[in-house]
Structures are given as structure tokens and as C-alpha cells.
């Protein structure tokens, strides 16, 4: 952190003016930007309920978990709120290889006066705990359960962190904030979609003060985001193409919910598809390379039918399915 950054927010912002949510709420913000403050994405669309949950985390020091399917922008949502508050934000991906030493710290050998000495190097948790930082644990349900207990104490609002190796107790900075994102709520890989997620202790899940669910955006907002991301599809003609893309994505999501498909198109996939359309100049080829090839072979005919409904054109997979059905 830069030494010039104030340790406390110096101004209050109106949620109505800053985020367009009709509520009489003020939220603290920093005047200056630090290197750890995310860049503002002007094309991002805020979900009102999730935004209020995240703002409660910043304003009232609540521990906030944002849960939802992949590609809904959970981590980005937290970052974009922090960006508008000029609040430093650090993301840590809790994959299965994150260990206790990564979070807490470890002894390292350094050179001091041309001599090798052993010093304790703080991990990300004690480093962030002592600073005005919003710490975001990405993929919280992918972390190993034994490692998750390292952060259990700091899940409490005024939770202190004990460094056993240093015989030291760290008091949290008044502006330290803690957030997390997850695809499940600590229930593991129930539907076979999120391999690598873990069953987490419910006593720890219970320590999160607020659990917000971020679902996919309404069609009009998703169309606007795709057009903002791919300027070549701006305008009425581009909107018609993007609207068909979003309609197809919605069919895959309904098919997944009904058990007809084992995968679905997230907004991230739709944006990738639109970008690939610009690269290849062929909507069908871009769709195949962006999503269709990710699907199970037995399900591609269903996806091809969705494509036909939305674009009025047949894909090769439709004919291959008919050929296999012949005696």
C-alpha cells in the first residue's frame, strides 16, 4: 500500500447517485486511488440486491458471500463496487493447492548484512488484515476444509488473528473488509457441474453475515453488456444478432435446469461467442468453437435444435444426429 493513501475513508457517496439504486443510503469511500484499486468498468451492470449486500459489507463491516452459477460476474461485482469507492481490493483464488502457509505466512531465508538470516514472511491474511483492504476469497468452496479453518476467527466482525509462530495477535484494521464468492454454499459437487468443490463445515458457513445470490441478468441487460464488450455489434443490426445469442443462451440454461443438458452458456460464453464472430466472420463456426464443442457429444443435437430455433439455420450436428438414428 502506498504511504499517501489515507487509512480511513474521507468522503461519503450517495448510493442513489453512484449506483442508481433508489435508496437513501450513504457509503464511505476513499478520495485517492491506490494501485490495488480495480479499474472501473463502465459497461458493468449492477444487480441491485447484490450491490446493496456488498455495500453493507463495506459500510457496516459485514462478512459477505456472493453465491451463484459461473459466469454471472460474482467476483467482478465486488471489484466494481470497490472500484467506485476507491477501496483497495485483493483477490485470492482458493484452489486446492492453497495451503496454510500461503495464508498465514512462513519463515524464509534472506540476506542481511551479507549474512543469511531467517525471517517470518507474512501471508496474505495477516498482510491484508492490517490494512484498509477488501480481501476477496474466490472459489471459496474449492478450498480444502482444513485450510478454511485458518480464517474462521477473522470471519467474526472484530476477529483477531493469532500468529502462533510469532506469538503475536493481530488486530484487524478498522477498514479491513472480507468477501467471498462460491458456486455452491459449501455443499460440494451435487449436480456434477463443479468438480473440485468441497463439503465445508456448516459452522463456518454460518459465520458469513450476508449470503447474496447472483443470478443471470435479464435479457435486455445482458444484450447491452455484450454490445458494450464487442463494439462491432453495436447498433440495431448488431442488437438483433446479440438478442438471438442471448435467447440461445437462455435455452441452454433452461435445458440445464430441466436436466436435458449438463452444461450451459454463461454471459462470459456469450461475450466470447460474439468476439469469435468478429474474428471468424461466421456465426455458426464461432458458436461451435465457443460452446458447442464443450458439450457432451450426445447433447449436441439438443443444442443444435436450440440454434435452429433462434437463428433459423441448421447445424451439421443436426444432420449427424439424424444419420445416427437411421437403421
Foldseek 3Di string as FASTA:
>chain_A
DDPPWDQFFDDWDACCVLQVDPDGDIAGAHPDADPQQDDADPLDHADVVVLVQLRCCQHVVAEEEEEAAPQLCPVVNNSNSSNSRSFREDEDEQAAPDALCQQAWDWDWDADPNDTDIDTDGHPNLVLQAGLYEYEYEAVQLHDQVSVVQCLQVLASFGWHADPVVRDIHTGRPNYGYYYYHHDLQCPCPLVQDPRGHRYDVVSSVSRPYYHYRYHDPLVSLLSSLCVLPVVLDDDNSSLVLSLLSQLQVVQVVCVVVVLFSDGAHSVLSSQLVVVCVVPVDSLVSCCVSPLVVGDLVNSLVSQVSNCVSPVDGDPSVVVVVVVPDD
